[in-house]
C-alpha atoms as a PDB file:
ATOM      1  CA  MET A   1      83.156  89.799  91.518  1.00  0.00           C
ATOM      2  CA  GLY A   2      83.948  90.500  87.907  1.00  0.00           C
ATOM      3  CA  THR A   3      86.538  89.024  85.598  1.00  0.00           C
ATOM      4  CA  ALA A   4      88.688  90.576  82.930  1.00  0.00           C
ATOM      5  CA  THR A   5      91.752  89.897  80.858  1.00  0.00           C
ATOM      6  CA  LEU A   6      94.229  92.685  80.215  1.00  0.00           C
ATOM      7  CA  GLU A   7      96.173  92.507  76.955  1.00  0.00           C
ATOM      8  CA  VAL A   8      99.237  94.708  76.701  1.00  0.00           C
ATOM      9  CA  SER A   9     100.844  94.952  73.268  1.00  0.00           C
ATOM     10  CA  GLY A  10     103.682  96.909  71.739  1.00  0.00           C
ATOM     11  CA  ALA A  11     107.453  97.037  71.821  1.00  0.00           C
ATOM     12  CA  GLN A  12     107.584  97.043  75.627  1.00  0.00           C
ATOM     13  CA  ALA A  13     104.573  94.799  76.242  1.00  0.00           C
ATOM     14  CA  ALA A  14     106.278  92.380  78.625  1.00  0.00           C
ATOM     15  CA  GLN A  15     107.854  95.153  80.686  1.00  0.00           C
ATOM     16  CA  TRP A  16     104.623  97.167  80.789  1.00  0.00           C
ATOM     17  CA  ALA A  17     102.601  94.104  81.793  1.00  0.00           C
ATOM     18  CA  GLU A  18     105.009  93.268  84.620  1.00  0.00           C
ATOM     19  CA  ASP A  19     104.756  96.852  85.845  1.00  0.00           C
ATOM     20  CA  LEU A  20     100.940  96.829  85.620  1.00  0.00           C
ATOM     21  CA  HIS A  21     100.832  93.438  87.326  1.00  0.00           C
ATOM     22  CA  ALA A  22     102.891  94.759  90.251  1.00  0.00           C
ATOM     23  CA  VAL A  23     100.586  97.788  90.617  1.00  0.00           C
ATOM     24  CA  LEU A  24      97.458  95.602  90.518  1.00  0.00           C
ATOM     25  CA  VAL A  25      98.846  93.151  93.084  1.00  0.00           C
ATOM     26  CA  ALA A  26      99.897  95.998  95.390  1.00  0.00           C
ATOM     27  CA  ASN A  27      96.398  97.518  95.227  1.00  0.00           C
ATOM     28  CA  ALA A  28      94.316  94.311  95.256  1.00  0.00           C
ATOM     29  CA  GLU A  29      91.447  94.178  97.719  1.00  0.00           C
ATOM     30  CA  PRO A  30      90.671  91.009  99.702  1.00  0.00           C
ATOM     31  CA  GLY A  31      89.200  88.375  97.390  1.00  0.00           C
ATOM     32  CA  GLU A  32      90.636  89.912  94.231  1.00  0.00           C
ATOM     33  CA  CYS A  33      93.060  87.864  92.155  1.00  0.00           C
ATOM     34  CA  VAL A  34      95.710  88.895  89.639  1.00  0.00           C
ATOM     35  CA  SER A  35      97.189  86.102  87.527  1.00  0.00           C
ATOM     36  CA  PRO A  36     100.854  85.965  86.546  1.00  0.00           C
ATOM     37  CA  VAL A  37     101.804  87.646  83.273  1.00  0.00           C
ATOM     38  CA  GLU A  38     101.807  85.389  80.220  1.00  0.00           C
ATOM     39  CA  VAL A  39     103.693  86.580  77.156  1.00  0.00           C
ATOM     40  CA  ASP A  40     102.801  85.506  73.621  1.00  0.00           C
ATOM     41  CA  ARG A  41     105.411  86.414  71.034  1.00  0.00           C
ATOM     42  CA  SER A  42     104.801  86.149  67.333  1.00  0.00           C
ATOM     43  CA  ALA A  43     106.863  87.421  64.443  1.00  0.00           C
ATOM     44  CA  ALA A  44     104.751  90.590  64.238  1.00  0.00           C
ATOM     45  CA  ILE A  45     103.710  91.434  67.805  1.00  0.00           C
ATOM     46  CA  VAL A  46     104.236  90.745  71.490  1.00  0.00           C
ATOM     47  CA  ILE A  47     101.153  90.504  73.672  1.00  0.00           C
ATOM     48  CA  ALA A  48     101.374  90.141  77.437  1.00  0.00           C
ATOM     49  CA  VAL A  49      98.215  88.949  79.194  1.00  0.00           C
ATOM     50  CA  ILE A  50      97.066  89.361  82.802  1.00  0.00           C
ATOM     51  CA  GLY A  51      93.930  87.677  84.142  1.00  0.00           C
ATOM     52  CA  LEU A  52      91.989  89.576  86.765  1.00  0.00           C
ATOM     53  CA  VAL A  53      89.198  88.903  89.249  1.00  0.00           C
ATOM     54  CA  PHE A  54      88.048  92.199  90.738  1.00  0.00           C
ATOM     55  CA  SER A  55      85.432  93.849  92.897  1.00  0.00           C
ATOM     56  CA  GLY A  56      84.471  97.499  92.709  1.00  0.00           C
ATOM     57  CA  VAL A  57      85.757 100.358  90.641  1.00  0.00           C
ATOM     58  CA  GLY A  58      88.990 100.597  92.634  1.00  0.00           C
ATOM     59  CA  THR A  59      90.635  98.319  90.092  1.00  0.00           C
ATOM     60  CA  ALA A  60      89.471 100.580  87.257  1.00  0.00           C
ATOM     61  CA  LYS A  61      90.993 103.580  89.038  1.00  0.00           C
ATOM     62  CA  THR A  62      94.266 101.708  89.571  1.00  0.00           C
ATOM     63  CA  ILE A  63      94.463 100.723  85.898  1.00  0.00           C
ATOM     64  CA  TRP A  64      93.549 104.242  84.770  1.00  0.00           C
ATOM     65  CA  GLU A  65      96.208 105.887  86.960  1.00  0.00           C
ATOM     66  CA  TRP A  66      98.825 103.432  85.718  1.00  0.00           C
ATOM     67  CA  TRP A  67      97.764 104.013  82.098  1.00  0.00           C
ATOM     68  CA  HIS A  68      97.785 107.793  82.555  1.00  0.00           C
ATOM     69  CA  SER A  69     101.459 107.613  83.572  1.00  0.00           C
ATOM     70  CA  LYS A  70     102.382 105.344  80.623  1.00  0.00           C
ATOM     71  CA  ARG A  71     100.175 106.365  77.713  1.00  0.00           C
ATOM     72  CA  GLN A  72     102.692 108.715  76.085  1.00  0.00           C
ATOM     73  CA  GLU A  73     105.181 105.841  75.748  1.00  0.00           C
ATOM     74  CA  GLY A  74     103.147 104.020  73.099  1.00  0.00           C
ATOM     75  CA  GLY A  75     101.765 100.535  73.310  1.00  0.00           C
ATOM     76  CA  THR A  76      98.178  99.393  73.664  1.00  0.00           C
ATOM     77  CA  VAL A  77      96.188  98.078  76.604  1.00  0.00           C
ATOM     78  CA  LYS A  78      92.950  96.271  75.834  1.00  0.00           C
ATOM     79  CA  ILE A  79      90.575  94.991  78.514  1.00  0.00           C
ATOM     80  CA  LEU A  80      88.337  92.028  77.712  1.00  0.00           C
ATOM     81  CA  PHE A  81      85.574  91.477  80.269  1.00  0.00           C
ATOM     82  CA  GLY A  82      83.808  88.216  81.067  1.00  0.00           C
ATOM     83  CA  ASP A  83      80.630  89.475  79.366  1.00  0.00           C
ATOM     84  CA  ASP A  84      82.519  89.974  76.050  1.00  0.00           C
ATOM     85  CA  THR A  85      82.788  93.761  76.480  1.00  0.00           C
ATOM     86  CA  GLN A  86      86.112  95.079  75.163  1.00  0.00           C
ATOM     87  CA  LEU A  87      87.761  98.430  75.867  1.00  0.00           C
ATOM     88  CA  THR A  88      91.015  99.899  74.595  1.00  0.00           C
ATOM     89  CA  LEU A  89      92.348 102.357  77.164  1.00  0.00           C
ATOM     90  CA  SER A  90      93.457 104.906  74.577  1.00  0.00           C
ATOM     91  CA  ASN A  91      89.842 105.193  73.356  1.00  0.00           C
ATOM     92  CA  VAL A  92      87.974 105.475  76.663  1.00  0.00           C
ATOM     93  CA  SER A  93      87.535 107.978  79.503  1.00  0.00           C
ATOM     94  CA  GLN A  94      88.153 107.152  83.146  1.00  0.00           C
ATOM     95  CA  GLN A  95      84.429 107.557  83.817  1.00  0.00           C
ATOM     96  CA  ARG A  96      83.503 105.054  81.079  1.00  0.00           C
ATOM     97  CA  LEU A  97      86.137 102.609  82.344  1.00  0.00           C
ATOM     98  CA  GLU A  98      84.713 102.774  85.866  1.00  0.00           C
ATOM     99  CA  ILE A  99      81.147 102.270  84.589  1.00  0.00           C
ATOM    100  CA  VAL A 100      82.140  99.176  82.606  1.00  0.00           C
ATOM    101  CA  PHE A 101      84.028  97.729  85.603  1.00  0.00           C
ATOM    102  CA  GLN A 102      80.979  98.330  87.789  1.00  0.00           C
ATOM    103  CA  GLN A 103      78.670  96.682  85.243  1.00  0.00           C
ATOM    104  CA  ALA A 104      81.033  93.731  84.836  1.00  0.00           C
ATOM    105  CA  GLU A 105      80.976  92.949  88.540  1.00  0.00           C
ATOM    106  CA  THR A 106      77.197  93.189  88.853  1.00  0.00           C
ATOM    107  CA  PRO A 107      75.459  89.878  88.165  1.00  0.00           C
ATOM    108  CA  GLN A 108      73.227  90.088  85.105  1.00  0.00           C
ATOM    109  CA  ARG A 109      69.671  88.890  85.643  1.00  0.00           C
END
């Protein structure tokens, strides 16, 4: 199992995060966990955070498909993995996203 935190920021961060959360919960495999959305509002930015425990690249595919349908609307989605790897969805390919998810779930020796 791997762990990651999804940070959604932008004008519609809370709404986007709730939508992404619903998609992740609907597609979760046994043993996977999706935490409730937490919203942090400051004077300059809204960031909605979702914690994630995942297995396999299915979660990467789910996130990518969701992002592909939303990316033209603005906003940013950053993924922070348990091994300190960070990806911003607007700067990564689906293939790279799947590779990083696979690496994050594989125990490092």
